[in-house]
Amino acid sequence: MGAGTMGLVTVAALRHLTSPGSILIGAKYPIQRQLAEEFGADVVCAPDELSRAVRRATGSFMIDGRLSGGADIVIDAVGSQQSIEAAIGMCRPRGRVVLLGMPSVV
């Protein structure tokens, strides 16, 4: 989550240093979308479409506002209370949520 500097560097590092299944990222601005694709993201979408993209990629569906499955790992490079809640909601049970940035108040 988040295609700012930290999010884009994370995409590049994941693509070049590991062998991830798929990298999905929510990018707010056109330049962020372009750079995310160049750095190796498989799916680039608007931040408000990221949950739907995760559902499609993982074959999960919504039940009472929660995903039935979700991503193995969600990396939050935004660091807001809303993004942390969204990251937890997109992650599968027993998955990992990595927080790259933290707001001053959570």
PDB file of N, CA and C in Angstrom:
ATOM      1  N   MET A   1       0.840  -1.176   0.000  1.00  0.00           N
ATOM      2  CA  MET A   1       0.000   0.000   0.000  1.00  0.00           C
ATOM      3  C   MET A   1       0.884   1.238   0.000  1.00  0.00           C
ATOM      4  N   GLY A   2       0.601   2.138  -0.902  1.00  0.00           N
ATOM      5  CA  GLY A   2       1.336   3.394  -0.925  1.00  0.00           C
ATOM      6  C   GLY A   2       2.466   3.381  -1.929  1.00  0.00           C
ATOM      7  N   ALA A   3       2.393   4.250  -2.927  1.00  0.00           N
ATOM      8  CA  ALA A   3       3.404   4.299  -3.979  1.00  0.00           C
ATOM      9  C   ALA A   3       4.244   5.561  -3.889  1.00  0.00           C
ATOM     10  N   GLY A   4       4.493   6.017  -2.664  1.00  0.00           N
ATOM     11  CA  GLY A   4       5.447   7.101  -2.457  1.00  0.00           C
ATOM     12  C   GLY A   4       6.855   6.527  -2.542  1.00  0.00           C
ATOM     13  N   THR A   5       7.825   7.271  -2.093  1.00  0.00           N
ATOM     14  CA  THR A   5       9.219   6.833  -2.182  1.00  0.00           C
ATOM     15  C   THR A   5       9.440   5.476  -1.531  1.00  0.00           C
ATOM     16  N   MET A   6       8.979   5.308  -0.290  1.00  0.00           N
ATOM     17  CA  MET A   6       9.197   4.037   0.417  1.00  0.00           C
ATOM     18  C   MET A   6       8.470   2.878  -0.263  1.00  0.00           C
ATOM     19  N   GLY A   7       7.263   3.106  -0.716  1.00  0.00           N
ATOM     20  CA  GLY A   7       6.515   2.055  -1.391  1.00  0.00           C
ATOM     21  C   GLY A   7       7.172   1.626  -2.689  1.00  0.00           C
ATOM     22  N   LEU A   8       7.640   2.593  -3.477  1.00  0.00           N
ATOM     23  CA  LEU A   8       8.289   2.272  -4.747  1.00  0.00           C
ATOM     24  C   LEU A   8       9.622   1.563  -4.544  1.00  0.00           C
ATOM     25  N   VAL A   9      10.400   2.001  -3.563  1.00  0.00           N
ATOM     26  CA  VAL A   9      11.667   1.321  -3.260  1.00  0.00           C
ATOM     27  C   VAL A   9      11.389  -0.115  -2.814  1.00  0.00           C
ATOM     28  N   THR A  10      10.327  -0.302  -2.058  1.00  0.00           N
ATOM     29  CA  THR A  10       9.958  -1.644  -1.610  1.00  0.00           C
ATOM     30  C   THR A  10       9.588  -2.532  -2.790  1.00  0.00           C
ATOM     31  N   VAL A  11       8.837  -2.007  -3.756  1.00  0.00           N
ATOM     32  CA  VAL A  11       8.499  -2.777  -4.955  1.00  0.00           C
ATOM     33  C   VAL A  11       9.772  -3.200  -5.679  1.00  0.00           C
ATOM     34  N   ALA A  12      10.690  -2.260  -5.880  1.00  0.00           N
ATOM     35  CA  ALA A  12      11.943  -2.573  -6.580  1.00  0.00           C
ATOM     36  C   ALA A  12      12.752  -3.622  -5.824  1.00  0.00           C
ATOM     37  N   ALA A  13      12.843  -3.476  -4.508  1.00  0.00           N
ATOM     38  CA  ALA A  13      13.610  -4.434  -3.706  1.00  0.00           C
ATOM     39  C   ALA A  13      12.972  -5.819  -3.752  1.00  0.00           C
ATOM     40  N   LEU A  14      11.661  -5.889  -3.607  1.00  0.00           N
ATOM     41  CA  LEU A  14      10.980  -7.185  -3.670  1.00  0.00           C
ATOM     42  C   LEU A  14      11.199  -7.852  -5.018  1.00  0.00           C
ATOM     43  N   ARG A  15      11.093  -7.077  -6.083  1.00  0.00           N
ATOM     44  CA  ARG A  15      11.228  -7.641  -7.425  1.00  0.00           C
ATOM     45  C   ARG A  15      12.648  -8.137  -7.693  1.00  0.00           C
ATOM     46  N   HIS A  16      13.656  -7.430  -7.194  1.00  0.00           N
ATOM     47  CA  HIS A  16      15.035  -7.775  -7.527  1.00  0.00           C
ATOM     48  C   HIS A  16      15.729  -8.665  -6.503  1.00  0.00           C
ATOM     49  N   LEU A  17      15.238  -8.705  -5.278  1.00  0.00           N
ATOM     50  CA  LEU A  17      15.927  -9.471  -4.238  1.00  0.00           C
ATOM     51  C   LEU A  17      15.178 -10.719  -3.794  1.00  0.00           C
ATOM     52  N   THR A  18      13.914 -10.855  -4.183  1.00  0.00           N
ATOM     53  CA  THR A  18      13.125 -12.022  -3.790  1.00  0.00           C
ATOM     54  C   THR A  18      12.387 -12.539  -5.011  1.00  0.00           C
ATOM     55  N   SER A  19      11.608 -13.565  -4.811  1.00  0.00           N
ATOM     56  CA  SER A  19      10.758 -14.055  -5.899  1.00  0.00           C
ATOM     57  C   SER A  19       9.310 -14.095  -5.410  1.00  0.00           C
ATOM     58  N   PRO A  20       8.691 -12.917  -5.308  1.00  0.00           N
ATOM     59  CA  PRO A  20       7.307 -12.862  -4.821  1.00  0.00           C
ATOM     60  C   PRO A  20       6.342 -13.444  -5.844  1.00  0.00           C
ATOM     61  N   GLY A  21       5.212 -13.932  -5.368  1.00  0.00           N
ATOM     62  CA  GLY A  21       4.194 -14.426  -6.290  1.00  0.00           C
ATOM     63  C   GLY A  21       3.674 -13.293  -7.153  1.00  0.00           C
ATOM     64  N   SER A  22       3.089 -12.294  -6.548  1.00  0.00           N
ATOM     65  CA  SER A  22       2.575 -11.115  -7.248  1.00  0.00           C
ATOM     66  C   SER A  22       2.758  -9.898  -6.359  1.00  0.00           C
ATOM     67  N   ILE A  23       3.030  -8.778  -6.991  1.00  0.00           N
ATOM     68  CA  ILE A  23       3.132  -7.515  -6.260  1.00  0.00           C
ATOM     69  C   ILE A  23       1.997  -6.625  -6.739  1.00  0.00           C
ATOM     70  N   LEU A  24       1.131  -6.244  -5.802  1.00  0.00           N
ATOM     71  CA  LEU A  24       0.019  -5.336  -6.079  1.00  0.00           C
ATOM     72  C   LEU A  24       0.276  -4.053  -5.310  1.00  0.00           C
ATOM     73  N   ILE A  25      -0.025  -2.914  -5.917  1.00  0.00           N
ATOM     74  CA  ILE A  25       0.201  -1.646  -5.233  1.00  0.00           C
ATOM     75  C   ILE A  25      -0.895  -0.650  -5.595  1.00  0.00           C
ATOM     76  N   GLY A  26      -1.270   0.145  -4.615  1.00  0.00           N
ATOM     77  CA  GLY A  26      -2.218   1.230  -4.838  1.00  0.00           C
ATOM     78  C   GLY A  26      -1.449   2.523  -5.038  1.00  0.00           C
ATOM     79  N   ALA A  27      -1.639   3.158  -6.191  1.00  0.00           N
ATOM     80  CA  ALA A  27      -0.913   4.385  -6.523  1.00  0.00           C
ATOM     81  C   ALA A  27      -1.910   5.507  -6.788  1.00  0.00           C
ATOM     82  N   LYS A  28      -1.689   6.629  -6.140  1.00  0.00           N
ATOM     83  CA  LYS A  28      -2.616   7.755  -6.206  1.00  0.00           C
ATOM     84  C   LYS A  28      -2.439   8.604  -7.470  1.00  0.00           C
ATOM     85  N   TYR A  29      -1.214   8.822  -7.886  1.00  0.00           N
ATOM     86  CA  TYR A  29      -0.925   9.750  -8.981  1.00  0.00           C
ATOM     87  C   TYR A  29      -0.391   9.010 -10.204  1.00  0.00           C
ATOM     88  N   PRO A  30      -0.597   9.566 -11.418  1.00  0.00           N
ATOM     89  CA  PRO A  30      -0.124   8.909 -12.641  1.00  0.00           C
ATOM     90  C   PRO A  30       1.375   8.597 -12.634  1.00  0.00           C
ATOM     91  N   ILE A  31       2.209   9.505 -12.142  1.00  0.00           N
ATOM     92  CA  ILE A  31       3.655   9.238 -12.120  1.00  0.00           C
ATOM     93  C   ILE A  31       3.970   8.066 -11.204  1.00  0.00           C
ATOM     94  N   GLN A  32       3.236   7.938 -10.098  1.00  0.00           N
ATOM     95  CA  GLN A  32       3.434   6.797  -9.203  1.00  0.00           C
ATOM     96  C   GLN A  32       3.034   5.499  -9.898  1.00  0.00           C
ATOM     97  N   ARG A  33       1.950   5.528 -10.655  1.00  0.00           N
ATOM     98  CA  ARG A  33       1.515   4.328 -11.387  1.00  0.00           C
ATOM     99  C   ARG A  33       2.579   3.907 -12.393  1.00  0.00           C
ATOM    100  N   GLN A  34       3.100   4.887 -13.118  1.00  0.00           N
ATOM    101  CA  GLN A  34       4.124   4.603 -14.121  1.00  0.00           C
ATOM    102  C   GLN A  34       5.371   4.010 -13.469  1.00  0.00           C
ATOM    103  N   LEU A  35       5.849   4.637 -12.400  1.00  0.00           N
ATOM    104  CA  LEU A  35       7.057   4.149 -11.731  1.00  0.00           C
ATOM    105  C   LEU A  35       6.838   2.779 -11.104  1.00  0.00           C
ATOM    106  N   ALA A  36       5.674   2.547 -10.523  1.00  0.00           N
ATOM    107  CA  ALA A  36       5.389   1.240  -9.921  1.00  0.00           C
ATOM    108  C   ALA A  36       5.466   0.140 -10.975  1.00  0.00           C
ATOM    109  N   GLU A  37       4.930   0.392 -12.157  1.00  0.00           N
ATOM    110  CA  GLU A  37       5.020  -0.584 -13.246  1.00  0.00           C
ATOM    111  C   GLU A  37       6.467  -0.787 -13.675  1.00  0.00           C
ATOM    112  N   GLU A  38       7.219   0.312 -13.818  1.00  0.00           N
ATOM    113  CA  GLU A  38       8.621   0.213 -14.221  1.00  0.00           C
ATOM    114  C   GLU A  38       9.454  -0.535 -13.186  1.00  0.00           C
ATOM    115  N   PHE A  39       9.125  -0.377 -11.908  1.00  0.00           N
ATOM    116  CA  PHE A  39       9.889  -1.016 -10.841  1.00  0.00           C
ATOM    117  C   PHE A  39       9.487  -2.467 -10.621  1.00  0.00           C
ATOM    118  N   GLY A  40       8.422  -2.928 -11.286  1.00  0.00           N
ATOM    119  CA  GLY A  40       8.109  -4.346 -11.237  1.00  0.00           C
ATOM    120  C   GLY A  40       6.805  -4.763 -10.601  1.00  0.00           C
ATOM    121  N   ALA A  41       5.907  -3.831 -10.306  1.00  0.00           N
ATOM    122  CA  ALA A  41       4.607  -4.222  -9.753  1.00  0.00           C
ATOM    123  C   ALA A  41       3.798  -4.948 -10.823  1.00  0.00           C
ATOM    124  N   ASP A  42       3.126  -6.014 -10.426  1.00  0.00           N
ATOM    125  CA  ASP A  42       2.297  -6.778 -11.360  1.00  0.00           C
ATOM    126  C   ASP A  42       0.942  -6.118 -11.582  1.00  0.00           C
ATOM    127  N   VAL A  43       0.372  -5.562 -10.519  1.00  0.00           N
ATOM    128  CA  VAL A  43      -0.927  -4.896 -10.591  1.00  0.00           C
ATOM    129  C   VAL A  43      -0.787  -3.526  -9.943  1.00  0.00           C
ATOM    130  N   VAL A  44      -1.152  -2.485 -10.689  1.00  0.00           N
ATOM    131  CA  VAL A  44      -1.136  -1.117 -10.165  1.00  0.00           C
ATOM    132  C   VAL A  44      -2.550  -0.572 -10.321  1.00  0.00           C
ATOM    133  N   CYS A  45      -3.116  -0.107  -9.220  1.00  0.00           N
ATOM    134  CA  CYS A  45      -4.482   0.408  -9.260  1.00  0.00           C
ATOM    135  C   CYS A  45      -4.602   1.609  -8.331  1.00  0.00           C
ATOM    136  N   ALA A  46      -5.755   2.245  -8.369  1.00  0.00           N
ATOM    137  CA  ALA A  46      -6.025   3.346  -7.444  1.00  0.00           C
ATOM    138  C   ALA A  46      -6.137   2.774  -6.031  1.00  0.00           C
ATOM    139  N   PRO A  47      -5.759   3.540  -5.021  1.00  0.00           N
ATOM    140  CA  PRO A  47      -5.810   3.028  -3.645  1.00  0.00           C
ATOM    141  C   PRO A  47      -7.176   2.481  -3.238  1.00  0.00           C
ATOM    142  N   ASP A  48      -8.255   3.114  -3.695  1.00  0.00           N
ATOM    143  CA  ASP A  48      -9.583   2.631  -3.310  1.00  0.00           C
ATOM    144  C   ASP A  48     -10.002   1.371  -4.059  1.00  0.00           C
ATOM    145  N   GLU A  49      -9.216   0.930  -5.031  1.00  0.00           N
ATOM    146  CA  GLU A  49      -9.485  -0.306  -5.763  1.00  0.00           C
ATOM    147  C   GLU A  49      -8.584  -1.453  -5.320  1.00  0.00           C
ATOM    148  N   LEU A  50      -7.682  -1.193  -4.376  1.00  0.00           N
ATOM    149  CA  LEU A  50      -6.696  -2.199  -3.982  1.00  0.00           C
ATOM    150  C   LEU A  50      -7.338  -3.421  -3.336  1.00  0.00           C
ATOM    151  N   SER A  51      -8.332  -3.218  -2.497  1.00  0.00           N
ATOM    152  CA  SER A  51      -9.005  -4.349  -1.857  1.00  0.00           C
ATOM    153  C   SER A  51      -9.629  -5.272  -2.902  1.00  0.00           C
ATOM    154  N   ARG A  52     -10.246  -4.694  -3.916  1.00  0.00           N
ATOM    155  CA  ARG A  52     -10.837  -5.496  -4.995  1.00  0.00           C
ATOM    156  C   ARG A  52      -9.752  -6.249  -5.767  1.00  0.00           C
ATOM    157  N   ALA A  53      -8.622  -5.599  -6.005  1.00  0.00           N
ATOM    158  CA  ALA A  53      -7.518  -6.259  -6.711  1.00  0.00           C
ATOM    159  C   ALA A  53      -6.976  -7.433  -5.895  1.00  0.00           C
ATOM    160  N   VAL A  54      -6.893  -7.268  -4.582  1.00  0.00           N
ATOM    161  CA  VAL A  54      -6.444  -8.365  -3.711  1.00  0.00           C
ATOM    162  C   VAL A  54      -7.448  -9.513  -3.776  1.00  0.00           C
ATOM    163  N   ARG A  55      -8.729  -9.206  -3.749  1.00  0.00           N
ATOM    164  CA  ARG A  55      -9.752 -10.258  -3.847  1.00  0.00           C
ATOM    165  C   ARG A  55      -9.600 -11.040  -5.143  1.00  0.00           C
ATOM    166  N   ARG A  56      -9.420 -10.320  -6.245  1.00  0.00           N
ATOM    167  CA  ARG A  56      -9.252 -10.998  -7.541  1.00  0.00           C
ATOM    168  C   ARG A  56      -8.002 -11.865  -7.556  1.00  0.00           C
ATOM    169  N   ALA A  57      -6.898 -11.327  -7.045  1.00  0.00           N
ATOM    170  CA  ALA A  57      -5.618 -12.046  -7.089  1.00  0.00           C
ATOM    171  C   ALA A  57      -5.611 -13.278  -6.186  1.00  0.00           C
ATOM    172  N   THR A  58      -6.366 -13.229  -5.093  1.00  0.00           N
ATOM    173  CA  THR A  58      -6.335 -14.336  -4.128  1.00  0.00           C
ATOM    174  C   THR A  58      -7.552 -15.247  -4.214  1.00  0.00           C
ATOM    175  N   GLY A  59      -8.527 -14.883  -5.036  1.00  0.00           N
ATOM    176  CA  GLY A  59      -9.732 -15.698  -5.157  1.00  0.00           C
ATOM    177  C   GLY A  59     -10.616 -15.641  -3.919  1.00  0.00           C
ATOM    178  N   SER A  60     -10.495 -14.583  -3.142  1.00  0.00           N
ATOM    179  CA  SER A  60     -11.316 -14.450  -1.936  1.00  0.00           C
ATOM    180  C   SER A  60     -12.528 -13.572  -2.230  1.00  0.00           C
ATOM    181  N   PHE A  61     -13.421 -13.471  -1.275  1.00  0.00           N
ATOM    182  CA  PHE A  61     -14.618 -12.664  -1.444  1.00  0.00           C
ATOM    183  C   PHE A  61     -14.973 -12.004  -0.119  1.00  0.00           C
ATOM    184  N   MET A  62     -15.877 -11.020  -0.184  1.00  0.00           N
ATOM    185  CA  MET A  62     -16.263 -10.263   1.010  1.00  0.00           C
ATOM    186  C   MET A  62     -17.364 -10.988   1.778  1.00  0.00           C
ATOM    187  N   ILE A  63     -17.189 -11.085   3.097  1.00  0.00           N
ATOM    188  CA  ILE A  63     -18.209 -11.616   3.997  1.00  0.00           C
ATOM    189  C   ILE A  63     -18.326 -10.627   5.146  1.00  0.00           C
ATOM    190  N   ASP A  64     -19.475  -9.987   5.266  1.00  0.00           N
ATOM    191  CA  ASP A  64     -19.698  -8.996   6.325  1.00  0.00           C
ATOM    192  C   ASP A  64     -18.592  -7.943   6.389  1.00  0.00           C
ATOM    193  N   GLY A  65     -18.163  -7.456   5.226  1.00  0.00           N
ATOM    194  CA  GLY A  65     -17.160  -6.401   5.183  1.00  0.00           C
ATOM    195  C   GLY A  65     -15.730  -6.866   5.373  1.00  0.00           C
ATOM    196  N   ARG A  66     -15.494  -8.169   5.434  1.00  0.00           N
ATOM    197  CA  ARG A  66     -14.136  -8.712   5.596  1.00  0.00           C
ATOM    198  C   ARG A  66     -13.845  -9.697   4.467  1.00  0.00           C
ATOM    199  N   LEU A  67     -12.575  -9.806   4.114  1.00  0.00           N
ATOM    200  CA  LEU A  67     -12.180 -10.758   3.083  1.00  0.00           C
ATOM    201  C   LEU A  67     -12.183 -12.174   3.638  1.00  0.00           C
ATOM    202  N   SER A  68     -12.599 -13.146   2.806  1.00  0.00           N
ATOM    203  CA  SER A  68     -12.583 -14.546   3.220  1.00  0.00           C
ATOM    204  C   SER A  68     -11.164 -15.101   3.219  1.00  0.00           C
ATOM    205  N   GLY A  69     -10.277 -14.482   2.497  1.00  0.00           N
ATOM    206  CA  GLY A  69      -8.873 -14.885   2.432  1.00  0.00           C
ATOM    207  C   GLY A  69      -8.041 -13.628   2.483  1.00  0.00           C
ATOM    208  N   GLY A  70      -7.171 -13.460   1.523  1.00  0.00           N
ATOM    209  CA  GLY A  70      -6.400 -12.230   1.462  1.00  0.00           C
ATOM    210  C   GLY A  70      -4.961 -12.486   1.089  1.00  0.00           C
ATOM    211  N   ALA A  71      -4.176 -11.432   1.127  1.00  0.00           N
ATOM    212  CA  ALA A  71      -2.764 -11.502   0.757  1.00  0.00           C
ATOM    213  C   ALA A  71      -1.951 -12.148   1.873  1.00  0.00           C
ATOM    214  N   ASP A  72      -0.899 -12.842   1.495  1.00  0.00           N
ATOM    215  CA  ASP A  72       0.011 -13.436   2.483  1.00  0.00           C
ATOM    216  C   ASP A  72       0.729 -12.347   3.266  1.00  0.00           C
ATOM    217  N   ILE A  73       1.187 -11.326   2.553  1.00  0.00           N
ATOM    218  CA  ILE A  73       1.917 -10.218   3.173  1.00  0.00           C
ATOM    219  C   ILE A  73       1.368  -8.906   2.617  1.00  0.00           C
ATOM    220  N   VAL A  74       1.083  -7.967   3.506  1.00  0.00           N
ATOM    221  CA  VAL A  74       0.667  -6.622   3.104  1.00  0.00           C
ATOM    222  C   VAL A  74       1.665  -5.647   3.711  1.00  0.00           C
ATOM    223  N   ILE A  75       2.256  -4.816   2.869  1.00  0.00           N
ATOM    224  CA  ILE A  75       3.222  -3.821   3.336  1.00  0.00           C
ATOM    225  C   ILE A  75       2.564  -2.450   3.248  1.00  0.00           C
ATOM    226  N   ASP A  76       2.456  -1.791   4.386  1.00  0.00           N
ATOM    227  CA  ASP A  76       1.837  -0.463   4.460  1.00  0.00           C
ATOM    228  C   ASP A  76       2.940   0.592   4.465  1.00  0.00           C
ATOM    229  N   ALA A  77       3.063   1.305   3.345  1.00  0.00           N
ATOM    230  CA  ALA A  77       4.060   2.372   3.243  1.00  0.00           C
ATOM    231  C   ALA A  77       3.411   3.742   3.370  1.00  0.00           C
ATOM    232  N   VAL A  78       2.169   3.782   3.845  1.00  0.00           N
ATOM    233  CA  VAL A  78       1.457   5.047   4.040  1.00  0.00           C
ATOM    234  C   VAL A  78       1.585   5.487   5.487  1.00  0.00           C
ATOM    235  N   GLY A  79       1.221   4.607   6.399  1.00  0.00           N
ATOM    236  CA  GLY A  79       1.390   4.898   7.819  1.00  0.00           C
ATOM    237  C   GLY A  79       0.289   5.718   8.457  1.00  0.00           C
ATOM    238  N   SER A  80      -0.914   5.673   7.906  1.00  0.00           N
ATOM    239  CA  SER A  80      -2.033   6.358   8.554  1.00  0.00           C
ATOM    240  C   SER A  80      -2.901   5.328   9.269  1.00  0.00           C
ATOM    241  N   GLN A  81      -3.747   5.789  10.144  1.00  0.00           N
ATOM    242  CA  GLN A  81      -4.638   4.867  10.845  1.00  0.00           C
ATOM    243  C   GLN A  81      -5.521   4.119   9.841  1.00  0.00           C
ATOM    244  N   GLN A  82      -6.016   4.830   8.828  1.00  0.00           N
ATOM    245  CA  GLN A  82      -6.870   4.202   7.823  1.00  0.00           C
ATOM    246  C   GLN A  82      -6.108   3.161   7.016  1.00  0.00           C
ATOM    247  N   SER A  83      -4.856   3.454   6.662  1.00  0.00           N
ATOM    248  CA  SER A  83      -4.097   2.495   5.857  1.00  0.00           C
ATOM    249  C   SER A  83      -3.737   1.258   6.671  1.00  0.00           C
ATOM    250  N   ILE A  84      -3.481   1.430   7.958  1.00  0.00           N
ATOM    251  CA  ILE A  84      -3.188   0.275   8.815  1.00  0.00           C
ATOM    252  C   ILE A  84      -4.420  -0.619   8.902  1.00  0.00           C
ATOM    253  N   GLU A  85      -5.584  -0.022   9.101  1.00  0.00           N
ATOM    254  CA  GLU A  85      -6.823  -0.806   9.157  1.00  0.00           C
ATOM    255  C   GLU A  85      -7.074  -1.516   7.827  1.00  0.00           C
ATOM    256  N   ALA A  86      -6.840  -0.826   6.710  1.00  0.00           N
ATOM    257  CA  ALA A  86      -7.029  -1.435   5.394  1.00  0.00           C
ATOM    258  C   ALA A  86      -6.041  -2.575   5.175  1.00  0.00           C
ATOM    259  N   ALA A  87      -4.790  -2.396   5.598  1.00  0.00           N
ATOM    260  CA  ALA A  87      -3.775  -3.444   5.447  1.00  0.00           C
ATOM    261  C   ALA A  87      -4.180  -4.700   6.206  1.00  0.00           C
ATOM    262  N   ILE A  88      -4.640  -4.528   7.425  1.00  0.00           N
ATOM    263  CA  ILE A  88      -5.081  -5.677   8.219  1.00  0.00           C
ATOM    264  C   ILE A  88      -6.266  -6.358   7.533  1.00  0.00           C
ATOM    265  N   GLY A  89      -7.174  -5.564   6.973  1.00  0.00           N
ATOM    266  CA  GLY A  89      -8.341  -6.115   6.295  1.00  0.00           C
ATOM    267  C   GLY A  89      -8.017  -6.859   5.015  1.00  0.00           C
ATOM    268  N   MET A  90      -6.908  -6.524   4.348  1.00  0.00           N
ATOM    269  CA  MET A  90      -6.526  -7.184   3.100  1.00  0.00           C
ATOM    270  C   MET A  90      -5.660  -8.417   3.316  1.00  0.00           C
ATOM    271  N   CYS A  91      -5.190  -8.617   4.530  1.00  0.00           N
ATOM    272  CA  CYS A  91      -4.275  -9.717   4.829  1.00  0.00           C
ATOM    273  C   CYS A  91      -5.062 -10.971   5.206  1.00  0.00           C
ATOM    274  N   ARG A  92      -4.595 -12.112   4.774  1.00  0.00           N
ATOM    275  CA  ARG A  92      -5.256 -13.372   5.120  1.00  0.00           C
ATOM    276  C   ARG A  92      -5.053 -13.671   6.604  1.00  0.00           C
ATOM    277  N   PRO A  93      -5.877 -14.535   7.175  1.00  0.00           N
ATOM    278  CA  PRO A  93      -5.633 -14.953   8.560  1.00  0.00           C
ATOM    279  C   PRO A  93      -4.237 -15.569   8.682  1.00  0.00           C
ATOM    280  N   ARG A  94      -3.527 -15.209   9.709  1.00  0.00           N
ATOM    281  CA  ARG A  94      -2.152 -15.653   9.962  1.00  0.00           C
ATOM    282  C   ARG A  94      -1.153 -15.114   8.937  1.00  0.00           C
ATOM    283  N   GLY A  95      -1.563 -14.102   8.167  1.00  0.00           N
ATOM    284  CA  GLY A  95      -0.654 -13.445   7.234  1.00  0.00           C
ATOM    285  C   GLY A  95       0.169 -12.402   7.976  1.00  0.00           C
ATOM    286  N   ARG A  96       0.963 -11.647   7.231  1.00  0.00           N
ATOM    287  CA  ARG A  96       1.826 -10.623   7.839  1.00  0.00           C
ATOM    288  C   ARG A  96       1.463  -9.240   7.329  1.00  0.00           C
ATOM    289  N   VAL A  97       1.449  -8.297   8.254  1.00  0.00           N
ATOM    290  CA  VAL A  97       1.311  -6.888   7.901  1.00  0.00           C
ATOM    291  C   VAL A  97       2.599  -6.211   8.335  1.00  0.00           C
ATOM    292  N   VAL A  98       3.273  -5.576   7.386  1.00  0.00           N
ATOM    293  CA  VAL A  98       4.531  -4.880   7.657  1.00  0.00           C
ATOM    294  C   VAL A  98       4.252  -3.386   7.594  1.00  0.00           C
ATOM    295  N   LEU A  99       4.619  -2.666   8.655  1.00  0.00           N
ATOM    296  CA  LEU A  99       4.411  -1.221   8.712  1.00  0.00           C
ATOM    297  C   LEU A  99       5.737  -0.514   8.463  1.00  0.00           C
ATOM    298  N   LEU A 100       5.856   0.167   7.319  1.00  0.00           N
ATOM    299  CA  LEU A 100       7.084   0.905   7.004  1.00  0.00           C
ATOM    300  C   LEU A 100       7.090   2.291   7.623  1.00  0.00           C
ATOM    301  N   GLY A 101       5.931   2.819   7.884  1.00  0.00           N
ATOM    302  CA  GLY A 101       5.826   4.141   8.492  1.00  0.00           C
ATOM    303  C   GLY A 101       4.721   4.124   9.516  1.00  0.00           C
ATOM    304  N   MET A 102       4.836   4.976  10.499  1.00  0.00           N
ATOM    305  CA  MET A 102       3.815   5.035  11.542  1.00  0.00           C
ATOM    306  C   MET A 102       3.361   6.478  11.722  1.00  0.00           C
ATOM    307  N   PRO A 103       2.065   6.675  11.916  1.00  0.00           N
ATOM    308  CA  PRO A 103       1.583   8.020  12.218  1.00  0.00           C
ATOM    309  C   PRO A 103       1.971   8.395  13.639  1.00  0.00           C
ATOM    310  N   SER A 104       1.866   9.661  13.949  1.00  0.00           N
ATOM    311  CA  SER A 104       2.220  10.089  15.308  1.00  0.00           C
ATOM    312  C   SER A 104       1.229   9.554  16.327  1.00  0.00           C
ATOM    313  N   VAL A 105      -0.019   9.354  15.922  1.00  0.00           N
ATOM    314  CA  VAL A 105      -1.037   8.799  16.816  1.00  0.00           C
ATOM    315  C   VAL A 105      -1.753   7.677  16.086  1.00  0.00           C
ATOM    316  N   VAL A 106      -1.898   6.541  16.747  1.00  0.00           N
ATOM    317  CA  VAL A 106      -2.622   5.404  16.149  1.00  0.00           C
ATOM    318  C   VAL A 106      -3.829   5.099  16.991  1.00  0.00           C
TER     319      VAL A 106
END
